[in-house]
């Protein structure tokens, strides 16, 4: 039986909830598992923060795994993105950037 990525994610989330007994952490589990499936387990780091690119109206236009990925895909230098993130500049090539706020404190103790 072939499962879609969504089916795999949902099953893994369900198993995590059963394992930990922490139903309230379901959304966090979904985020971590989705990241692991998309970028591959060998590159997964739960402390990695997604980078969100916003247009001039503050609307999210894309998410990237890293500053390097955003730089390559948008044609913006890493230094320019870093300056926006640190507050030195407001934007770079029409985009502002921010780190995604993801709670990384998953407690797997039951």
PDB file of N, CA and C in Angstrom:
ATOM      1  N   UNK A   1       0.832  -1.178   0.000  1.00  0.00           N
ATOM      2  CA  UNK A   1       0.000   0.000   0.000  1.00  0.00           C
ATOM      3  C   UNK A   1       0.881   1.248   0.000  1.00  0.00           C
ATOM      4  N   UNK A   2       0.659   2.137  -0.939  1.00  0.00           N
ATOM      5  CA  UNK A   2       1.412   3.383  -1.030  1.00  0.00           C
ATOM      6  C   UNK A   2       0.627   4.469  -0.305  1.00  0.00           C
ATOM      7  N   UNK A   3       1.330   5.197   0.569  1.00  0.00           N
ATOM      8  CA  UNK A   3       0.690   6.270   1.333  1.00  0.00           C
ATOM      9  C   UNK A   3       1.168   7.618   0.812  1.00  0.00           C
ATOM     10  N   UNK A   4       0.292   8.607   0.860  1.00  0.00           N
ATOM     11  CA  UNK A   4       0.703   9.964   0.501  1.00  0.00           C
ATOM     12  C   UNK A   4       1.511  10.539   1.655  1.00  0.00           C
ATOM     13  N   UNK A   5       2.204  11.643   1.384  1.00  0.00           N
ATOM     14  CA  UNK A   5       2.990  12.278   2.437  1.00  0.00           C
ATOM     15  C   UNK A   5       2.083  12.736   3.583  1.00  0.00           C
ATOM     16  N   UNK A   6       0.904  13.216   3.263  1.00  0.00           N
ATOM     17  CA  UNK A   6      -0.045  13.650   4.292  1.00  0.00           C
ATOM     18  C   UNK A   6      -0.468  12.474   5.166  1.00  0.00           C
ATOM     19  N   UNK A   7      -0.726  11.328   4.539  1.00  0.00           N
ATOM     20  CA  UNK A   7      -1.107  10.136   5.307  1.00  0.00           C
ATOM     21  C   UNK A   7       0.038   9.678   6.207  1.00  0.00           C
ATOM     22  N   UNK A   8       1.257   9.722   5.690  1.00  0.00           N
ATOM     23  CA  UNK A   8       2.428   9.349   6.491  1.00  0.00           C
ATOM     24  C   UNK A   8       2.570  10.301   7.675  1.00  0.00           C
ATOM     25  N   UNK A   9       2.476  11.610   7.394  1.00  0.00           N
ATOM     26  CA  UNK A   9       2.592  12.601   8.472  1.00  0.00           C
ATOM     27  C   UNK A   9       1.528  12.384   9.536  1.00  0.00           C
ATOM     28  N   UNK A  10       0.279  12.214   9.119  1.00  0.00           N
ATOM     29  CA  UNK A  10      -0.802  12.025  10.079  1.00  0.00           C
ATOM     30  C   UNK A  10      -0.602  10.774  10.929  1.00  0.00           C
ATOM     31  N   UNK A  11      -0.136   9.716  10.295  1.00  0.00           N
ATOM     32  CA  UNK A  11       0.098   8.481  11.051  1.00  0.00           C
ATOM     33  C   UNK A  11       1.229   8.659  12.063  1.00  0.00           C
ATOM     34  N   UNK A  12       2.307   9.314  11.643  1.00  0.00           N
ATOM     35  CA  UNK A  12       3.422   9.550  12.562  1.00  0.00           C
ATOM     36  C   UNK A  12       3.021  10.473  13.712  1.00  0.00           C
ATOM     37  N   UNK A  13       2.229  11.488  13.423  1.00  0.00           N
ATOM     38  CA  UNK A  13       1.739  12.387  14.482  1.00  0.00           C
ATOM     39  C   UNK A  13       0.901  11.591  15.475  1.00  0.00           C
ATOM     40  N   UNK A  14       0.000  10.756  14.968  1.00  0.00           N
ATOM     41  CA  UNK A  14      -0.838   9.925  15.830  1.00  0.00           C
ATOM     42  C   UNK A  14       0.021   9.039  16.729  1.00  0.00           C
ATOM     43  N   UNK A  15       1.055   8.422  16.150  1.00  0.00           N
ATOM     44  CA  UNK A  15       1.944   7.557  16.931  1.00  0.00           C
ATOM     45  C   UNK A  15       2.731   8.344  17.972  1.00  0.00           C
ATOM     46  N   UNK A  16       3.146   9.572  17.635  1.00  0.00           N
ATOM     47  CA  UNK A  16       3.844  10.418  18.622  1.00  0.00           C
ATOM     48  C   UNK A  16       2.929  10.754  19.795  1.00  0.00           C
ATOM     49  N   UNK A  17       1.678  11.076  19.487  1.00  0.00           N
ATOM     50  CA  UNK A  17       0.723  11.395  20.549  1.00  0.00           C
ATOM     51  C   UNK A  17       0.512  10.178  21.441  1.00  0.00           C
ATOM     52  N   UNK A  18       0.373   9.001  20.834  1.00  0.00           N
ATOM     53  CA  UNK A  18       0.214   7.779  21.626  1.00  0.00           C
ATOM     54  C   UNK A  18       1.443   7.512  22.478  1.00  0.00           C
ATOM     55  N   UNK A  19       2.614   7.712  21.902  1.00  0.00           N
ATOM     56  CA  UNK A  19       3.868   7.456  22.601  1.00  0.00           C
ATOM     57  C   UNK A  19       4.068   8.395  23.790  1.00  0.00           C
ATOM     58  N   UNK A  20       3.819   9.683  23.554  1.00  0.00           N
ATOM     59  CA  UNK A  20       4.101  10.680  24.587  1.00  0.00           C
ATOM     60  C   UNK A  20       2.920  10.981  25.497  1.00  0.00           C
ATOM     61  N   UNK A  21       1.703  10.768  24.977  1.00  0.00           N
ATOM     62  CA  UNK A  21       0.523  11.127  25.753  1.00  0.00           C
ATOM     63  C   UNK A  21       0.255  12.618  25.775  1.00  0.00           C
ATOM     64  N   UNK A  22       0.915  13.376  24.892  1.00  0.00           N
ATOM     65  CA  UNK A  22       0.788  14.836  24.858  1.00  0.00           C
ATOM     66  C   UNK A  22      -0.018  15.270  23.636  1.00  0.00           C
ATOM     67  N   UNK A  23      -1.333  15.170  23.721  1.00  0.00           N
ATOM     68  CA  UNK A  23      -2.197  15.573  22.613  1.00  0.00           C
ATOM     69  C   UNK A  23      -2.051  17.055  22.300  1.00  0.00           C
ATOM     70  N   UNK A  24      -1.771  17.854  23.315  1.00  0.00           N
ATOM     71  CA  UNK A  24      -1.665  19.308  23.126  1.00  0.00           C
ATOM     72  C   UNK A  24      -0.469  19.698  22.245  1.00  0.00           C
ATOM     73  N   UNK A  25       0.461  18.789  22.028  1.00  0.00           N
ATOM     74  CA  UNK A  25       1.634  19.065  21.194  1.00  0.00           C
ATOM     75  C   UNK A  25       1.443  18.608  19.744  1.00  0.00           C
ATOM     76  N   UNK A  26       0.230  18.268  19.364  1.00  0.00           N
ATOM     77  CA  UNK A  26      -0.048  17.747  18.029  1.00  0.00           C
ATOM     78  C   UNK A  26       0.454  18.674  16.921  1.00  0.00           C
ATOM     79  N   UNK A  27       0.205  19.970  17.051  1.00  0.00           N
ATOM     80  CA  UNK A  27       0.620  20.913  16.014  1.00  0.00           C
ATOM     81  C   UNK A  27       2.143  20.955  15.878  1.00  0.00           C
ATOM     82  N   UNK A  28       2.840  20.910  16.979  1.00  0.00           N
ATOM     83  CA  UNK A  28       4.309  20.915  16.950  1.00  0.00           C
ATOM     84  C   UNK A  28       4.822  19.638  16.283  1.00  0.00           C
ATOM     85  N   UNK A  29       4.246  18.507  16.635  1.00  0.00           N
ATOM     86  CA  UNK A  29       4.642  17.245  16.004  1.00  0.00           C
ATOM     87  C   UNK A  29       4.429  17.319  14.493  1.00  0.00           C
ATOM     88  N   UNK A  30       3.308  17.884  14.069  1.00  0.00           N
ATOM     89  CA  UNK A  30       3.023  18.000  12.637  1.00  0.00           C
ATOM     90  C   UNK A  30       4.100  18.821  11.935  1.00  0.00           C
ATOM     91  N   UNK A  31       4.493  19.932  12.545  1.00  0.00           N
ATOM     92  CA  UNK A  31       5.512  20.793  11.954  1.00  0.00           C
ATOM     93  C   UNK A  31       6.839  20.043  11.824  1.00  0.00           C
ATOM     94  N   UNK A  32       7.285  19.395  12.900  1.00  0.00           N
ATOM     95  CA  UNK A  32       8.562  18.683  12.879  1.00  0.00           C
ATOM     96  C   UNK A  32       8.550  17.540  11.873  1.00  0.00           C
ATOM     97  N   UNK A  33       7.480  16.766  11.869  1.00  0.00           N
ATOM     98  CA  UNK A  33       7.408  15.622  10.970  1.00  0.00           C
ATOM     99  C   UNK A  33       7.331  16.085   9.520  1.00  0.00           C
ATOM    100  N   UNK A  34       6.557  17.130   9.262  1.00  0.00           N
ATOM    101  CA  UNK A  34       6.468  17.663   7.894  1.00  0.00           C
ATOM    102  C   UNK A  34       7.843  18.126   7.412  1.00  0.00           C
ATOM    103  N   UNK A  35       8.560  18.849   8.277  1.00  0.00           N
ATOM    104  CA  UNK A  35       9.916  19.290   7.909  1.00  0.00           C
ATOM    105  C   UNK A  35      10.812  18.101   7.598  1.00  0.00           C
ATOM    106  N   UNK A  36      10.763  17.098   8.466  1.00  0.00           N
ATOM    107  CA  UNK A  36      11.628  15.930   8.276  1.00  0.00           C
ATOM    108  C   UNK A  36      11.308  15.231   6.957  1.00  0.00           C
ATOM    109  N   UNK A  37      10.037  15.128   6.626  1.00  0.00           N
ATOM    110  CA  UNK A  37       9.647  14.467   5.383  1.00  0.00           C
ATOM    111  C   UNK A  37      10.063  15.278   4.163  1.00  0.00           C
ATOM    112  N   UNK A  38       9.947  16.590   4.246  1.00  0.00           N
ATOM    113  CA  UNK A  38      10.248  17.442   3.097  1.00  0.00           C
ATOM    114  C   UNK A  38      11.744  17.557   2.853  1.00  0.00           C
ATOM    115  N   UNK A  39      12.511  17.804   3.887  1.00  0.00           N
ATOM    116  CA  UNK A  39      13.939  18.038   3.679  1.00  0.00           C
ATOM    117  C   UNK A  39      14.790  16.796   3.855  1.00  0.00           C
ATOM    118  N   UNK A  40      14.203  15.722   4.329  1.00  0.00           N
ATOM    119  CA  UNK A  40      14.948  14.482   4.507  1.00  0.00           C
ATOM    120  C   UNK A  40      15.497  14.375   5.913  1.00  0.00           C
ATOM    121  N   UNK A  41      15.397  13.214   6.471  1.00  0.00           N
ATOM    122  CA  UNK A  41      15.814  13.009   7.864  1.00  0.00           C
ATOM    123  C   UNK A  41      17.279  13.350   8.093  1.00  0.00           C
ATOM    124  N   UNK A  42      18.134  13.107   7.100  1.00  0.00           N
ATOM    125  CA  UNK A  42      19.562  13.352   7.313  1.00  0.00           C
ATOM    126  C   UNK A  42      19.882  14.835   7.454  1.00  0.00           C
ATOM    127  N   UNK A  43      18.988  15.712   7.005  1.00  0.00           N
ATOM    128  CA  UNK A  43      19.215  17.148   7.114  1.00  0.00           C
ATOM    129  C   UNK A  43      18.321  17.805   8.165  1.00  0.00           C
ATOM    130  N   UNK A  44      17.495  17.020   8.855  1.00  0.00           N
ATOM    131  CA  UNK A  44      16.531  17.586   9.794  1.00  0.00           C
ATOM    132  C   UNK A  44      17.209  17.997  11.083  1.00  0.00           C
ATOM    133  N   UNK A  45      16.911  19.194  11.515  1.00  0.00           N
ATOM    134  CA  UNK A  45      17.395  19.714  12.783  1.00  0.00           C
ATOM    135  C   UNK A  45      16.227  20.416  13.445  1.00  0.00           C
ATOM    136  N   UNK A  46      15.731  19.899  14.575  1.00  0.00           N
ATOM    137  CA  UNK A  46      14.551  20.512  15.191  1.00  0.00           C
ATOM    138  C   UNK A  46      14.771  21.950  15.644  1.00  0.00           C
ATOM    139  N   UNK A  47      16.018  22.370  15.795  1.00  0.00           N
ATOM    140  CA  UNK A  47      16.299  23.743  16.215  1.00  0.00           C
ATOM    141  C   UNK A  47      16.403  24.703  15.035  1.00  0.00           C
ATOM    142  N   UNK A  48      16.357  24.162  13.823  1.00  0.00           N
ATOM    143  CA  UNK A  48      16.440  24.987  12.618  1.00  0.00           C
ATOM    144  C   UNK A  48      15.172  25.832  12.511  1.00  0.00           C
ATOM    145  N   UNK A  49      15.350  27.106  12.274  1.00  0.00           N
ATOM    146  CA  UNK A  49      14.210  28.003  12.149  1.00  0.00           C
ATOM    147  C   UNK A  49      13.959  28.312  10.684  1.00  0.00           C
ATOM    148  N   UNK A  50      12.707  28.202  10.282  1.00  0.00           N
ATOM    149  CA  UNK A  50      12.347  28.570   8.918  1.00  0.00           C
ATOM    150  C   UNK A  50      12.490  30.076   8.756  1.00  0.00           C
ATOM    151  N   UNK A  51      12.813  30.478   7.545  1.00  0.00           N
ATOM    152  CA  UNK A  51      12.901  31.890   7.210  1.00  0.00           C
ATOM    153  C   UNK A  51      11.668  32.239   6.382  1.00  0.00           C
ATOM    154  N   UNK A  52      10.957  33.271   6.787  1.00  0.00           N
ATOM    155  CA  UNK A  52       9.744  33.687   6.088  1.00  0.00           C
ATOM    156  C   UNK A  52      10.050  34.956   5.307  1.00  0.00           C
ATOM    157  N   UNK A  53       9.728  34.934   4.016  1.00  0.00           N
ATOM    158  CA  UNK A  53       9.879  36.120   3.162  1.00  0.00           C
ATOM    159  C   UNK A  53       8.517  36.798   3.061  1.00  0.00           C
ATOM    160  N   UNK A  54       8.504  38.120   3.227  1.00  0.00           N
ATOM    161  CA  UNK A  54       7.275  38.904   3.175  1.00  0.00           C
ATOM    162  C   UNK A  54       7.384  39.958   2.083  1.00  0.00           C
ATOM    163  N   UNK A  55       6.266  40.267   1.443  1.00  0.00           N
ATOM    164  CA  UNK A  55       6.288  41.339   0.442  1.00  0.00           C
ATOM    165  C   UNK A  55       6.169  42.694   1.134  1.00  0.00           C
ATOM    166  N   UNK A  56       6.107  43.810   0.349  1.00  0.00           N
ATOM    167  CA  UNK A  56       6.074  45.147   0.970  1.00  0.00           C
ATOM    168  C   UNK A  56       4.813  45.395   1.791  1.00  0.00           C
ATOM    169  N   UNK A  57       3.771  44.585   1.602  1.00  0.00           N
ATOM    170  CA  UNK A  57       2.549  44.722   2.399  1.00  0.00           C
ATOM    171  C   UNK A  57       2.571  43.853   3.650  1.00  0.00           C
ATOM    172  N   UNK A  58       3.681  43.161   3.887  1.00  0.00           N
ATOM    173  CA  UNK A  58       3.800  42.305   5.065  1.00  0.00           C
ATOM    174  C   UNK A  58       3.123  40.960   4.914  1.00  0.00           C
ATOM    175  N   UNK A  59       2.790  40.585   3.683  1.00  0.00           N
ATOM    176  CA  UNK A  59       2.139  39.302   3.424  1.00  0.00           C
ATOM    177  C   UNK A  59       3.200  38.246   3.126  1.00  0.00           C
ATOM    178  N   UNK A  60       3.073  37.101   3.773  1.00  0.00           N
ATOM    179  CA  UNK A  60       4.023  36.015   3.546  1.00  0.00           C
ATOM    180  C   UNK A  60       3.946  35.545   2.097  1.00  0.00           C
ATOM    181  N   UNK A  61       5.129  35.485   1.452  1.00  0.00           N
ATOM    182  CA  UNK A  61       5.171  35.014   0.066  1.00  0.00           C
ATOM    183  C   UNK A  61       5.865  33.662  -0.062  1.00  0.00           C
ATOM    184  N   UNK A  62       6.722  33.326   0.897  1.00  0.00           N
ATOM    185  CA  UNK A  62       7.421  32.044   0.831  1.00  0.00           C
ATOM    186  C   UNK A  62       8.097  31.747   2.163  1.00  0.00           C
ATOM    187  N   UNK A  63       8.399  30.471   2.347  1.00  0.00           N
ATOM    188  CA  UNK A  63       9.183  30.016   3.505  1.00  0.00           C
ATOM    189  C   UNK A  63      10.397  29.247   2.982  1.00  0.00           C
ATOM    190  N   UNK A  64      11.511  29.417   3.674  1.00  0.00           N
ATOM    191  CA  UNK A  64      12.752  28.766   3.266  1.00  0.00           C
ATOM    192  C   UNK A  64      13.377  28.072   4.463  1.00  0.00           C
ATOM    193  N   UNK A  65      14.119  27.020   4.188  1.00  0.00           N
ATOM    194  CA  UNK A  65      14.775  26.255   5.257  1.00  0.00           C
ATOM    195  C   UNK A  65      15.936  27.011   5.868  1.00  0.00           C
ATOM    196  N   UNK A  66      16.501  27.943   5.108  1.00  0.00           N
ATOM    197  CA  UNK A  66      17.686  28.649   5.596  1.00  0.00           C
ATOM    198  C   UNK A  66      17.858  29.964   4.843  1.00  0.00           C
ATOM    199  N   UNK A  67      18.745  30.790   5.362  1.00  0.00           N
ATOM    200  CA  UNK A  67      19.097  32.042   4.690  1.00  0.00           C
ATOM    201  C   UNK A  67      19.734  31.721   3.340  1.00  0.00           C
ATOM    202  N   UNK A  68      20.553  30.684   3.301  1.00  0.00           N
ATOM    203  CA  UNK A  68      21.213  30.289   2.057  1.00  0.00           C
ATOM    204  C   UNK A  68      20.194  29.922   0.983  1.00  0.00           C
ATOM    205  N   UNK A  69      19.185  29.135   1.346  1.00  0.00           N
ATOM    206  CA  UNK A  69      18.167  28.752   0.377  1.00  0.00           C
ATOM    207  C   UNK A  69      17.404  29.980  -0.129  1.00  0.00           C
ATOM    208  N   UNK A  70      17.021  30.872   0.787  1.00  0.00           N
ATOM    209  CA  UNK A  70      16.303  32.095   0.393  1.00  0.00           C
ATOM    210  C   UNK A  70      17.167  32.938  -0.532  1.00  0.00           C
ATOM    211  N   UNK A  71      18.442  33.053  -0.197  1.00  0.00           N
ATOM    212  CA  UNK A  71      19.368  33.836  -1.003  1.00  0.00           C
ATOM    213  C   UNK A  71      19.440  33.314  -2.435  1.00  0.00           C
ATOM    214  N   UNK A  72      19.581  32.015  -2.569  1.00  0.00           N
ATOM    215  CA  UNK A  72      19.684  31.406  -3.903  1.00  0.00           C
ATOM    216  C   UNK A  72      18.389  31.561  -4.697  1.00  0.00           C
ATOM    217  N   UNK A  73      17.260  31.306  -4.056  1.00  0.00           N
ATOM    218  CA  UNK A  73      15.987  31.315  -4.781  1.00  0.00           C
ATOM    219  C   UNK A  73      15.502  32.722  -5.109  1.00  0.00           C
ATOM    220  N   UNK A  74      15.850  33.703  -4.271  1.00  0.00           N
ATOM    221  CA  UNK A  74      15.375  35.071  -4.500  1.00  0.00           C
ATOM    222  C   UNK A  74      16.405  35.968  -5.180  1.00  0.00           C
ATOM    223  N   UNK A  75      17.654  35.489  -5.273  1.00  0.00           N
ATOM    224  CA  UNK A  75      18.696  36.314  -5.868  1.00  0.00           C
ATOM    225  C   UNK A  75      19.094  37.482  -4.980  1.00  0.00           C
ATOM    226  N   UNK A  76      19.028  37.270  -3.670  1.00  0.00           N
ATOM    227  CA  UNK A  76      19.393  38.289  -2.681  1.00  0.00           C
ATOM    228  C   UNK A  76      20.614  37.768  -1.940  1.00  0.00           C
ATOM    229  N   UNK A  77      21.584  38.617  -1.676  1.00  0.00           N
ATOM    230  CA  UNK A  77      22.778  38.146  -0.968  1.00  0.00           C
ATOM    231  C   UNK A  77      22.427  37.761   0.466  1.00  0.00           C
ATOM    232  N   UNK A  78      23.197  36.812   0.991  1.00  0.00           N
ATOM    233  CA  UNK A  78      23.010  36.393   2.400  1.00  0.00           C
ATOM    234  C   UNK A  78      23.192  37.586   3.330  1.00  0.00           C
ATOM    235  N   UNK A  79      24.165  38.421   3.013  1.00  0.00           N
ATOM    236  CA  UNK A  79      24.443  39.584   3.859  1.00  0.00           C
ATOM    237  C   UNK A  79      23.234  40.517   3.912  1.00  0.00           C
ATOM    238  N   UNK A  80      22.566  40.707   2.777  1.00  0.00           N
ATOM    239  CA  UNK A  80      21.389  41.570   2.742  1.00  0.00           C
ATOM    240  C   UNK A  80      20.266  40.996   3.602  1.00  0.00           C
ATOM    241  N   UNK A  81      20.070  39.689   3.517  1.00  0.00           N
ATOM    242  CA  UNK A  81      19.038  39.046   4.334  1.00  0.00           C
ATOM    243  C   UNK A  81      19.396  39.157   5.809  1.00  0.00           C
ATOM    244  N   UNK A  82      20.661  38.918   6.140  1.00  0.00           N
ATOM    245  CA  UNK A  82      21.104  39.027   7.532  1.00  0.00           C
ATOM    246  C   UNK A  82      20.890  40.441   8.077  1.00  0.00           C
ATOM    247  N   UNK A  83      21.121  41.455   7.244  1.00  0.00           N
ATOM    248  CA  UNK A  83      20.912  42.842   7.675  1.00  0.00           C
ATOM    249  C   UNK A  83      19.434  43.121   7.955  1.00  0.00           C
ATOM    250  N   UNK A  84      18.555  42.532   7.164  1.00  0.00           N
ATOM    251  CA  UNK A  84      17.115  42.694   7.421  1.00  0.00           C
ATOM    252  C   UNK A  84      16.743  41.988   8.724  1.00  0.00           C
ATOM    253  N   UNK A  85      17.251  40.769   8.907  1.00  0.00           N
ATOM    254  CA  UNK A  85      16.938  40.016  10.119  1.00  0.00           C
ATOM    255  C   UNK A  85      17.450  40.702  11.381  1.00  0.00           C
ATOM    256  N   UNK A  86      18.587  41.373  11.264  1.00  0.00           N
ATOM    257  CA  UNK A  86      19.150  42.044  12.443  1.00  0.00           C
ATOM    258  C   UNK A  86      18.607  43.459  12.632  1.00  0.00           C
ATOM    259  N   UNK A  87      17.757  43.929  11.694  1.00  0.00           N
ATOM    260  CA  UNK A  87      17.136  45.241  11.849  1.00  0.00           C
ATOM    261  C   UNK A  87      17.922  46.397  11.266  1.00  0.00           C
ATOM    262  N   UNK A  88      19.044  46.110  10.621  1.00  0.00           N
ATOM    263  CA  UNK A  88      19.853  47.173  10.016  1.00  0.00           C
ATOM    264  C   UNK A  88      19.135  47.751   8.803  1.00  0.00           C
ATOM    265  N   UNK A  89      18.580  46.873   7.970  1.00  0.00           N
ATOM    266  CA  UNK A  89      17.810  47.297   6.794  1.00  0.00           C
ATOM    267  C   UNK A  89      16.365  46.843   6.946  1.00  0.00           C
ATOM    268  N   UNK A  90      15.467  47.564   6.279  1.00  0.00           N
ATOM    269  CA  UNK A  90      14.051  47.219   6.335  1.00  0.00           C
ATOM    270  C   UNK A  90      13.700  46.111   5.339  1.00  0.00           C
ATOM    271  N   UNK A  91      14.360  46.117   4.178  1.00  0.00           N
ATOM    272  CA  UNK A  91      14.061  45.109   3.164  1.00  0.00           C
ATOM    273  C   UNK A  91      15.275  44.879   2.274  1.00  0.00           C
ATOM    274  N   UNK A  92      15.179  43.809   1.467  1.00  0.00           N
ATOM    275  CA  UNK A  92      16.209  43.481   0.486  1.00  0.00           C
ATOM    276  C   UNK A  92      15.506  43.018  -0.781  1.00  0.00           C
ATOM    277  N   UNK A  93      15.720  43.739  -1.868  1.00  0.00           N
ATOM    278  CA  UNK A  93      15.069  43.449  -3.157  1.00  0.00           C
ATOM    279  C   UNK A  93      13.553  43.293  -3.006  1.00  0.00           C
ATOM    280  N   UNK A  94      12.958  44.190  -2.219  1.00  0.00           N
ATOM    281  CA  UNK A  94      11.508  44.198  -2.069  1.00  0.00           C
ATOM    282  C   UNK A  94      10.939  43.206  -1.067  1.00  0.00           C
ATOM    283  N   UNK A  95      11.793  42.464  -0.394  1.00  0.00           N
ATOM    284  CA  UNK A  95      11.329  41.488   0.596  1.00  0.00           C
ATOM    285  C   UNK A  95      11.818  41.861   1.988  1.00  0.00           C
ATOM    286  N   UNK A  96      10.972  41.653   2.971  1.00  0.00           N
ATOM    287  CA  UNK A  96      11.451  41.676   4.347  1.00  0.00           C
ATOM    288  C   UNK A  96      11.472  40.222   4.808  1.00  0.00           C
ATOM    289  N   UNK A  97      12.185  39.953   5.864  1.00  0.00           N
ATOM    290  CA  UNK A  97      12.365  38.581   6.319  1.00  0.00           C
ATOM    291  C   UNK A  97      12.199  38.516   7.825  1.00  0.00           C
ATOM    292  N   UNK A  98      11.724  37.366   8.274  1.00  0.00           N
ATOM    293  CA  UNK A  98      11.686  37.091   9.709  1.00  0.00           C
ATOM    294  C   UNK A  98      11.807  35.592   9.914  1.00  0.00           C
ATOM    295  N   UNK A  99      12.254  35.221  11.089  1.00  0.00           N
ATOM    296  CA  UNK A  99      12.350  33.811  11.442  1.00  0.00           C
ATOM    297  C   UNK A  99      10.983  33.347  11.928  1.00  0.00           C
ATOM    298  N   UNK A 100      10.624  32.123  11.582  1.00  0.00           N
ATOM    299  CA  UNK A 100       9.352  31.557  12.054  1.00  0.00           C
ATOM    300  C   UNK A 100       9.488  31.269  13.541  1.00  0.00           C
ATOM    301  N   UNK A 101       8.464  31.566  14.294  1.00  0.00           N
ATOM    302  CA  UNK A 101       8.462  31.268  15.725  1.00  0.00           C
ATOM    303  C   UNK A 101       7.854  29.894  15.934  1.00  0.00           C
ATOM    304  N   UNK A 102       8.714  28.922  16.174  1.00  0.00           N
ATOM    305  CA  UNK A 102       8.255  27.563  16.383  1.00  0.00           C
ATOM    306  C   UNK A 102       8.736  27.122  17.759  1.00  0.00           C
ATOM    307  N   UNK A 103       7.803  26.651  18.549  1.00  0.00           N
ATOM    308  CA  UNK A 103       8.137  26.175  19.884  1.00  0.00           C
ATOM    309  C   UNK A 103       8.955  24.900  19.755  1.00  0.00           C
ATOM    310  N   UNK A 104      10.204  24.942  20.209  1.00  0.00           N
ATOM    311  CA  UNK A 104      11.077  23.777  20.069  1.00  0.00           C
ATOM    312  C   UNK A 104      11.165  22.979  21.346  1.00  0.00           C
ATOM    313  N   UNK A 105      10.311  23.246  22.304  1.00  0.00           N
ATOM    314  CA  UNK A 105      10.407  22.541  23.587  1.00  0.00           C
ATOM    315  C   UNK A 105       9.432  21.375  23.653  1.00  0.00           C
ATOM    316  N   UNK A 106       9.682  20.353  22.857  1.00  0.00           N
ATOM    317  CA  UNK A 106       8.855  19.153  22.917  1.00  0.00           C
ATOM    318  C   UNK A 106       9.367  18.284  24.050  1.00  0.00           C
ATOM    319  N   UNK A 107       8.471  17.908  24.916  1.00  0.00           N
ATOM    320  CA  UNK A 107       8.820  17.032  26.018  1.00  0.00           C
ATOM    321  C   UNK A 107       8.310  15.640  25.674  1.00  0.00           C
ATOM    322  N   UNK A 108       9.229  14.692  25.482  1.00  0.00           N
ATOM    323  CA  UNK A 108       8.812  13.332  25.122  1.00  0.00           C
ATOM    324  C   UNK A 108       8.723  12.441  26.330  1.00  0.00           C
ATOM    325  N   UNK A 109       8.932  12.969  27.529  1.00  0.00           N
ATOM    326  CA  UNK A 109       8.777  12.174  28.744  1.00  0.00           C
ATOM    327  C   UNK A 109       7.294  11.998  29.018  1.00  0.00           C
ATOM    328  N   UNK A 110       6.907  10.779  29.401  1.00  0.00           N
ATOM    329  CA  UNK A 110       5.491  10.606  29.733  1.00  0.00           C
ATOM    330  C   UNK A 110       5.309  10.335  31.206  1.00  0.00           C
TER     331      UNK A 110
END
